[in-house]
Structure formats: structure tokens, C-alpha cells
C-alpha atoms as a PDB file:
ATOM      1  CA  MET A   1     -42.312  59.546  82.954  1.00  0.00           C
ATOM      2  CA  THR A   2     -40.805  62.870  83.762  1.00  0.00           C
ATOM      3  CA  ASP A   3     -42.047  66.364  83.241  1.00  0.00           C
ATOM      4  CA  HIS A   4     -38.617  67.649  82.393  1.00  0.00           C
ATOM      5  CA  ALA A   5     -36.817  67.630  79.120  1.00  0.00           C
ATOM      6  CA  THR A   6     -33.325  65.993  78.450  1.00  0.00           C
ATOM      7  CA  PRO A   7     -30.821  68.424  77.399  1.00  0.00           C
ATOM      8  CA  ALA A   8     -31.346  67.306  73.847  1.00  0.00           C
ATOM      9  CA  GLU A   9     -35.036  67.824  74.115  1.00  0.00           C
ATOM     10  CA  ALA A  10     -34.873  71.151  75.643  1.00  0.00           C
ATOM     11  CA  SER A  11     -32.743  72.305  72.585  1.00  0.00           C
ATOM     12  CA  SER A  12     -35.345  71.190  70.223  1.00  0.00           C
ATOM     13  CA  LEU A  13     -38.584  72.172  71.880  1.00  0.00           C
ATOM     14  CA  PRO A  14     -41.573  73.073  69.614  1.00  0.00           C
ATOM     15  CA  GLU A  15     -42.192  76.766  68.915  1.00  0.00           C
ATOM     16  CA  GLY A  16     -43.958  78.471  71.795  1.00  0.00           C
ATOM     17  CA  LEU A  17     -41.936  76.583  74.489  1.00  0.00           C
ATOM     18  CA  PHE A  18     -38.972  77.173  76.578  1.00  0.00           C
ATOM     19  CA  ALA A  19     -37.009  75.026  79.077  1.00  0.00           C
ATOM     20  CA  ASP A  20     -35.688  76.745  82.215  1.00  0.00           C
ATOM     21  CA  GLU A  21     -32.414  75.908  83.925  1.00  0.00           C
ATOM     22  CA  ALA A  22     -33.739  72.480  85.180  1.00  0.00           C
ATOM     23  CA  ALA A  23     -34.919  71.719  81.677  1.00  0.00           C
ATOM     24  CA  CYS A  24     -38.558  72.217  82.684  1.00  0.00           C
ATOM     25  CA  PRO A  25     -40.538  72.977  79.467  1.00  0.00           C
ATOM     26  CA  ARG A  26     -43.007  75.825  79.701  1.00  0.00           C
ATOM     27  CA  CYS A  27     -45.045  78.217  77.500  1.00  0.00           C
ATOM     28  CA  SER A  28     -42.841  80.915  76.304  1.00  0.00           C
ATOM     29  CA  TRP A  29     -44.765  83.806  77.566  1.00  0.00           C
ATOM     30  CA  CYS A  30     -43.827  83.223  81.311  1.00  0.00           C
ATOM     31  CA  GLN A  31     -39.917  83.519  80.664  1.00  0.00           C
ATOM     32  CA  ALA A  32     -39.592  87.046  82.122  1.00  0.00           C
ATOM     33  CA  SER A  33     -39.285  86.259  85.698  1.00  0.00           C
ATOM     34  CA  PRO A  34     -39.636  83.630  88.529  1.00  0.00           C
ATOM     35  CA  LEU A  35     -43.192  85.254  89.512  1.00  0.00           C
ATOM     36  CA  TYR A  36     -44.389  84.918  85.904  1.00  0.00           C
ATOM     37  CA  ARG A  37     -43.276  81.183  85.826  1.00  0.00           C
ATOM     38  CA  HIS A  38     -45.078  80.595  89.176  1.00  0.00           C
ATOM     39  CA  TYR A  39     -48.176  82.066  88.030  1.00  0.00           C
ATOM     40  CA  HIS A  40     -48.005  79.932  84.765  1.00  0.00           C
ATOM     41  CA  ASP A  41     -47.273  76.880  86.753  1.00  0.00           C
ATOM     42  CA  HIS A  42     -49.806  77.038  89.654  1.00  0.00           C
ATOM     43  CA  GLU A  43     -52.666  79.470  88.454  1.00  0.00           C
ATOM     44  CA  TRP A  44     -52.884  80.082  84.750  1.00  0.00           C
ATOM     45  CA  GLY A  45     -55.284  77.554  83.112  1.00  0.00           C
ATOM     46  CA  PHE A  46     -56.358  75.753  86.590  1.00  0.00           C
ATOM     47  CA  PRO A  47     -60.247  75.859  87.194  1.00  0.00           C
ATOM     48  CA  VAL A  48     -61.456  78.475  89.750  1.00  0.00           C
ATOM     49  CA  ALA A  49     -64.920  78.609  91.317  1.00  0.00           C
ATOM     50  CA  ASP A  50     -64.098  81.325  94.111  1.00  0.00           C
ATOM     51  CA  ASP A  51     -66.166  84.362  93.364  1.00  0.00           C
ATOM     52  CA  ARG A  52     -63.399  86.737  94.914  1.00  0.00           C
ATOM     53  CA  ARG A  53     -60.732  85.357  92.682  1.00  0.00           C
ATOM     54  CA  LEU A  54     -63.040  85.396  89.595  1.00  0.00           C
ATOM     55  CA  PHE A  55     -63.919  89.071  90.299  1.00  0.00           C
ATOM     56  CA  GLU A  56     -60.326  90.077  90.888  1.00  0.00           C
ATOM     57  CA  LYS A  57     -59.075  88.507  87.557  1.00  0.00           C
ATOM     58  CA  ILE A  58     -61.734  90.058  85.373  1.00  0.00           C
ATOM     59  CA  CYS A  59     -60.968  93.353  86.965  1.00  0.00           C
ATOM     60  CA  LEU A  60     -57.309  92.894  86.419  1.00  0.00           C
ATOM     61  CA  GLU A  61     -57.900  91.749  82.890  1.00  0.00           C
ATOM     62  CA  GLY A  62     -59.576  95.038  82.336  1.00  0.00           C
ATOM     63  CA  PHE A  63     -56.602  97.100  83.840  1.00  0.00           C
ATOM     64  CA  GLN A  64     -54.270  95.110  81.608  1.00  0.00           C
ATOM     65  CA  SER A  65     -55.867  96.623  78.653  1.00  0.00           C
ATOM     66  CA  GLY A  66     -53.034  98.298  76.666  1.00  0.00           C
ATOM     67  CA  LEU A  67     -50.481  96.797  79.117  1.00  0.00           C
ATOM     68  CA  SER A  68     -48.551  93.539  79.538  1.00  0.00           C
ATOM     69  CA  TRP A  69     -50.008  91.118  82.018  1.00  0.00           C
ATOM     70  CA  LEU A  70     -46.615  91.048  83.788  1.00  0.00           C
ATOM     71  CA  THR A  71     -47.087  94.691  84.504  1.00  0.00           C
ATOM     72  CA  ILE A  72     -50.337  94.008  86.184  1.00  0.00           C
ATOM     73  CA  LEU A  73     -49.088  90.819  88.106  1.00  0.00           C
ATOM     74  CA  ASN A  74     -46.357  92.755  89.565  1.00  0.00           C
ATOM     75  CA  LYS A  75     -48.854  95.073  91.029  1.00  0.00           C
ATOM     76  CA  ARG A  76     -51.451  92.417  92.065  1.00  0.00           C
ATOM     77  CA  GLU A  77     -50.640  92.843  95.811  1.00  0.00           C
ATOM     78  CA  GLY A  78     -51.246  96.683  95.451  1.00  0.00           C
ATOM     79  CA  PHE A  79     -54.421  96.185  93.587  1.00  0.00           C
ATOM     80  CA  ARG A  80     -55.476  93.677  96.348  1.00  0.00           C
ATOM     81  CA  ALA A  81     -54.717  96.210  99.108  1.00  0.00           C
ATOM     82  CA  ALA A  82     -56.557  99.182  97.069  1.00  0.00           C
ATOM     83  CA  PHE A  83     -59.708  97.207  96.085  1.00  0.00           C
ATOM     84  CA  ALA A  84     -60.415  95.475  99.495  1.00  0.00           C
ATOM     85  CA  GLN A  85     -58.984  92.188  98.457  1.00  0.00           C
ATOM     86  CA  PHE A  86     -61.504  92.293  95.660  1.00  0.00           C
ATOM     87  CA  ASP A  87     -64.486  91.816  97.943  1.00  0.00           C
ATOM     88  CA  ALA A  88     -67.345  92.734  95.563  1.00  0.00           C
ATOM     89  CA  GLU A  89     -69.556  94.123  98.283  1.00  0.00           C
ATOM     90  CA  GLN A  90     -66.831  96.331  99.686  1.00  0.00           C
ATOM     91  CA  VAL A  91     -65.820  97.506  96.302  1.00  0.00           C
ATOM     92  CA  ALA A  92     -69.412  98.092  95.264  1.00  0.00           C
ATOM     93  CA  ALA A  93     -69.730 100.616  98.298  1.00  0.00           C
ATOM     94  CA  PHE A  94     -66.729 102.819  97.123  1.00  0.00           C
ATOM     95  CA  ASP A  95     -67.565 106.424  96.381  1.00  0.00           C
ATOM     96  CA  PRO A  96     -65.959 109.294  94.539  1.00  0.00           C
ATOM     97  CA  ALA A  97     -63.720 109.944  97.338  1.00  0.00           C
ATOM     98  CA  ASP A  98     -62.458 106.450  97.147  1.00  0.00           C
ATOM     99  CA  VAL A  99     -61.887 106.971  93.284  1.00  0.00           C
ATOM    100  CA  GLU A 100     -59.710 110.111  93.847  1.00  0.00           C
ATOM    101  CA  ARG A 101     -57.759 108.023  96.458  1.00  0.00           C
ATOM    102  CA  LEU A 102     -57.177 105.342  93.907  1.00  0.00           C
ATOM    103  CA  VAL A 103     -56.068 107.734  91.262  1.00  0.00           C
ATOM    104  CA  GLN A 104     -53.308 108.812  93.633  1.00  0.00           C
ATOM    105  CA  ASP A 105     -52.430 105.207  94.636  1.00  0.00           C
ATOM    106  CA  ALA A 106     -48.869 104.396  92.971  1.00  0.00           C
ATOM    107  CA  GLY A 107     -49.438 100.711  93.881  1.00  0.00           C
ATOM    108  CA  ILE A 108     -51.781 100.298  91.142  1.00  0.00           C
ATOM    109  CA  VAL A 109     -52.458 101.506  87.459  1.00  0.00           C
ATOM    110  CA  ARG A 110     -53.927 104.916  87.945  1.00  0.00           C
ATOM    111  CA  HIS A 111     -56.499 104.793  85.321  1.00  0.00           C
ATOM    112  CA  ARG A 112     -59.588 106.779  86.270  1.00  0.00           C
ATOM    113  CA  GLY A 113     -61.806 105.005  83.775  1.00  0.00           C
ATOM    114  CA  LYS A 114     -60.533 101.493  84.829  1.00  0.00           C
ATOM    115  CA  ILE A 115     -61.003 102.415  88.414  1.00  0.00           C
ATOM    116  CA  GLU A 116     -64.457 103.599  88.022  1.00  0.00           C
ATOM    117  CA  SER A 117     -65.180 100.337  85.937  1.00  0.00           C
ATOM    118  CA  THR A 118     -63.949  98.200  88.744  1.00  0.00           C
ATOM    119  CA  ILE A 119     -66.389  99.797  91.112  1.00  0.00           C
ATOM    120  CA  ASN A 120     -69.255  99.661  88.432  1.00  0.00           C
ATOM    121  CA  ASN A 121     -68.570  95.959  87.901  1.00  0.00           C
ATOM    122  CA  ALA A 122     -68.567  95.287  91.562  1.00  0.00           C
ATOM    123  CA  ARG A 123     -72.204  96.411  91.594  1.00  0.00           C
ATOM    124  CA  ARG A 124     -72.884  94.332  88.763  1.00  0.00           C
ATOM    125  CA  VAL A 125     -71.456  91.187  90.459  1.00  0.00           C
ATOM    126  CA  LEU A 126     -73.861  91.678  93.298  1.00  0.00           C
ATOM    127  CA  GLU A 127     -76.667  91.860  90.546  1.00  0.00           C
ATOM    128  CA  LEU A 128     -75.533  88.454  89.188  1.00  0.00           C
ATOM    129  CA  ARG A 129     -75.192  86.874  92.647  1.00  0.00           C
ATOM    130  CA  ARG A 130     -78.898  87.793  93.218  1.00  0.00           C
ATOM    131  CA  GLU A 131     -79.866  86.229  89.779  1.00  0.00           C
ATOM    132  CA  PHE A 132     -77.447  83.062  89.581  1.00  0.00           C
ATOM    133  CA  GLY A 133     -76.503  82.582  93.058  1.00  0.00           C
ATOM    134  CA  SER A 134     -72.829  83.397  92.595  1.00  0.00           C
ATOM    135  CA  LEU A 135     -70.509  84.774  90.036  1.00  0.00           C
ATOM    136  CA  ALA A 136     -68.995  81.415  89.512  1.00  0.00           C
ATOM    137  CA  ARG A 137     -72.191  79.941  88.456  1.00  0.00           C
ATOM    138  CA  TYR A 138     -72.653  82.618  85.932  1.00  0.00           C
ATOM    139  CA  VAL A 139     -68.931  82.352  84.474  1.00  0.00           C
ATOM    140  CA  TRP A 140     -69.074  78.746  84.155  1.00  0.00           C
ATOM    141  CA  SER A 141     -72.151  78.638  82.096  1.00  0.00           C
ATOM    142  CA  TYR A 142     -69.966  79.952  79.440  1.00  0.00           C
ATOM    143  CA  GLU A 143     -67.422  77.268  79.511  1.00  0.00           C
ATOM    144  CA  PRO A 144     -66.995  76.010  75.909  1.00  0.00           C
ATOM    145  CA  ALA A 145     -67.941  72.662  74.709  1.00  0.00           C
ATOM    146  CA  THR A 146     -65.094  70.204  74.183  1.00  0.00           C
ATOM    147  CA  ALA A 147     -66.245  69.924  70.576  1.00  0.00           C
ATOM    148  CA  ASP A 148     -65.552  73.763  70.174  1.00  0.00           C
ATOM    149  CA  ARG A 149     -61.755  73.392  71.333  1.00  0.00           C
ATOM    150  CA  PRO A 150     -58.854  72.579  69.136  1.00  0.00           C
ATOM    151  CA  GLU A 151     -57.640  68.864  69.429  1.00  0.00           C
ATOM    152  CA  ARG A 152     -54.203  69.913  69.636  1.00  0.00           C
ATOM    153  CA  LEU A 153     -52.817  73.314  70.942  1.00  0.00           C
ATOM    154  CA  THR A 154     -49.743  74.213  69.059  1.00  0.00           C
ATOM    155  CA  ARG A 155     -48.136  77.617  69.070  1.00  0.00           C
ATOM    156  CA  GLU A 156     -49.802  77.975  65.664  1.00  0.00           C
ATOM    157  CA  VAL A 157     -53.260  77.168  66.809  1.00  0.00           C
ATOM    158  CA  ALA A 158     -52.798  79.436  70.079  1.00  0.00           C
ATOM    159  CA  ARG A 159     -52.131  82.452  67.641  1.00  0.00           C
ATOM    160  CA  THR A 160     -55.763  82.060  66.393  1.00  0.00           C
ATOM    161  CA  LEU A 161     -57.318  82.137  69.801  1.00  0.00           C
ATOM    162  CA  SER A 162     -57.592  85.721  70.960  1.00  0.00           C
ATOM    163  CA  THR A 163     -61.219  85.376  71.137  1.00  0.00           C
ATOM    164  CA  SER A 164     -63.857  82.511  70.984  1.00  0.00           C
ATOM    165  CA  ALA A 165     -67.646  82.043  70.429  1.00  0.00           C
ATOM    166  CA  ALA A 166     -67.903  81.673  74.053  1.00  0.00           C
ATOM    167  CA  SER A 167     -66.008  84.895  74.997  1.00  0.00           C
ATOM    168  CA  VAL A 168     -67.819  86.843  72.321  1.00  0.00           C
ATOM    169  CA  ALA A 169     -71.098  85.678  73.727  1.00  0.00           C
ATOM    170  CA  MET A 170     -70.145  86.229  77.491  1.00  0.00           C
ATOM    171  CA  SER A 171     -68.929  89.686  76.618  1.00  0.00           C
ATOM    172  CA  LYS A 172     -71.949  90.673  74.902  1.00  0.00           C
ATOM    173  CA  ASP A 173     -74.155  89.582  77.919  1.00  0.00           C
ATOM    174  CA  LEU A 174     -71.865  91.440  80.216  1.00  0.00           C
ATOM    175  CA  LYS A 175     -72.087  94.556  78.437  1.00  0.00           C
ATOM    176  CA  LYS A 176     -75.924  94.310  78.158  1.00  0.00           C
ATOM    177  CA  ARG A 177     -75.978  93.935  81.925  1.00  0.00           C
ATOM    178  CA  GLY A 178     -73.854  97.219  82.308  1.00  0.00           C
ATOM    179  CA  TRP A 179     -70.358  95.859  82.765  1.00  0.00           C
ATOM    180  CA  SER A 180     -67.464  97.700  81.224  1.00  0.00           C
ATOM    181  CA  PHE A 181     -63.699  96.746  80.043  1.00  0.00           C
ATOM    182  CA  VAL A 182     -65.155  93.470  79.143  1.00  0.00           C
ATOM    183  CA  GLY A 183     -64.380  93.062  75.494  1.00  0.00           C
ATOM    184  CA  PRO A 184     -64.395  89.552  73.848  1.00  0.00           C
ATOM    185  CA  THR A 185     -60.411  89.407  73.988  1.00  0.00           C
ATOM    186  CA  THR A 186     -60.517  90.468  77.586  1.00  0.00           C
ATOM    187  CA  VAL A 187     -63.041  87.787  78.448  1.00  0.00           C
ATOM    188  CA  TYR A 188     -61.024  85.108  76.605  1.00  0.00           C
ATOM    189  CA  ALA A 189     -57.869  86.151  78.515  1.00  0.00           C
ATOM    190  CA  PHE A 190     -59.978  85.774  81.831  1.00  0.00           C
ATOM    191  CA  MET A 191     -61.278  82.341  80.506  1.00  0.00           C
ATOM    192  CA  GLN A 192     -57.628  81.214  79.897  1.00  0.00           C
ATOM    193  CA  ALA A 193     -56.581  82.275  83.245  1.00  0.00           C
ATOM    194  CA  MET A 194     -59.402  80.820  85.284  1.00  0.00           C
ATOM    195  CA  GLY A 195     -59.349  77.500  83.771  1.00  0.00           C
ATOM    196  CA  LEU A 196     -62.445  77.699  81.422  1.00  0.00           C
ATOM    197  CA  VAL A 197     -60.028  76.560  78.817  1.00  0.00           C
ATOM    198  CA  ASN A 198     -56.618  74.930  78.999  1.00  0.00           C
ATOM    199  CA  ASP A 199     -54.322  76.814  76.656  1.00  0.00           C
ATOM    200  CA  HIS A 200     -51.112  75.526  77.876  1.00  0.00           C
ATOM    201  CA  LEU A 201     -49.349  74.362  74.846  1.00  0.00           C
ATOM    202  CA  GLU A 202     -48.723  70.663  73.753  1.00  0.00           C
ATOM    203  CA  GLY A 203     -45.495  69.755  75.432  1.00  0.00           C
ATOM    204  CA  CYS A 204     -45.761  72.257  78.428  1.00  0.00           C
ATOM    205  CA  HIS A 205     -45.243  70.477  81.624  1.00  0.00           C
ATOM    206  CA  ALA A 206     -48.436  72.294  83.200  1.00  0.00           C
ATOM    207  CA  ARG A 207     -50.744  71.224  80.329  1.00  0.00           C
ATOM    208  CA  PRO A 208     -51.535  67.644  81.960  1.00  0.00           C
ATOM    209  CA  LEU A 209     -51.817  69.225  85.514  1.00  0.00           C
ATOM    210  CA  ALA A 210     -54.363  71.713  84.314  1.00  0.00           C
ATOM    211  CA  LEU A 211     -56.173  69.077  82.287  1.00  0.00           C
ATOM    212  CA  LYS A 212     -56.459  67.007  85.466  1.00  0.00           C
ATOM    213  CA  ALA A 213     -57.441  69.764  87.515  1.00  0.00           C
ATOM    214  CA  ARG A 214     -60.344  70.484  84.939  1.00  0.00           C
ATOM    215  CA  ALA A 215     -61.264  66.757  85.022  1.00  0.00           C
ATOM    216  CA  ASP A 216     -61.450  66.773  88.889  1.00  0.00           C
ATOM    217  CA  PHE A 217     -63.298  70.109  89.043  1.00  0.00           C
ATOM    218  CA  VAL A 218     -66.902  70.334  90.344  1.00  0.00           C
ATOM    219  CA  ARG A 219     -68.565  72.781  88.200  1.00  0.00           C
ATOM    220  CA  PRO A 220     -70.745  75.327  90.326  1.00  0.00           C
END
């Protein structure tokens, strides 16, 4: 079995997929650049239990609000440099002078509200760690049950998945705990990226890889 489509297959891929020069079928949203395709192939939909990566992603999803993910991905190294590699303890100690520094940082999205939200949410991460032991343990407690997921993920089905019952519940709880920029759509995008769900479309070469990664993953 091959992960690559034949030329004939590549020309008749289901809606929502595209094939690159090597006829490798992928979800259409990552067509724009090699960086985007690498992110799709190696990160998006693969389960993560590392607190720093989880914190980074939920912050960057907040920054994405109103923008494209590619805009944020292109600036990700700038965000990492600006926010102490998303070490929650360091970010939680940022003060008003750090906010002013970051507002002037061209390497990130210079949105004061989102900058302040990231610092606030870092402080909330520390609270979650004290209660749950890790951010990962908290996050994965909201993994949807298999029965709540579509049996087949086509483009038509994917269009209906901007939120879910789990993302609504997690969003509501985070807001109750004082987090910001964590609406249900933002939380669902976070769940997609961090592998709590596998939303690679049927026929995408990464879908079975993400399925295997989830099957092998040890939940926190």
C-alpha cells in the first residue's frame, strides 16, 4: 500500500484534498507553503501531552482570532522568542513593562488585548497545575468519546465541525477559571491541532498516521 496517489487518482481526489508534485494527498487547507504542509504532516492532529506545547498552542489560537493560522505559523518563532518559549512560569511573571515591549515587537501580532490575555492565561495555567498536576491532564480530560465523533470525516462533515460539545464545555470551564480568548471555536481548533481529535479528511495521507499516534498515545 502507498500513501501516494497515482496521477489518475490525484486528478479525482475527493473534495477537500489536494495532491502535491509527488501526488501525496493532503487536506486542502495546507496548500499555501512548504511550512504549512510540514505543519499539517507532522503536527496537526498528532496527540500532545507536553505542557509547554499545549500552552503555546492555546495562546497562538487566541492570537489567530480574526487572522489566518498561516499568519501565526509564519510568526511562531517570533512568538516563542517574545514569550520565553511559552514557559508558563516565566510568562506569568511578565509585568506592564513587558506588555509595552511586546506591543512594539514586530515579530508577533501586536494586539495589546491578546498579549495581556497570554500573560493572564499563563497565571491560570499555574493554577490548573496545582489542581490537576499538569495542564495536559486537564486538557485531555475533555477528549471527546469515540461515540461523539463522526464515523467518516469528509469535507462536508468537516464543515460542520467548528465547535463540539467538548469544546463548548472546556471553553465554559476555562472562562469560569478566568481564562480569556478561549471561545468554543478557538478551543475546538486547539483540540484539532493537539490531537484530541483527528480531523484529517478521509484519503489524506496523514489521517492513518494520526490515528496510529492516537492509538499509541498514553493519556496523562
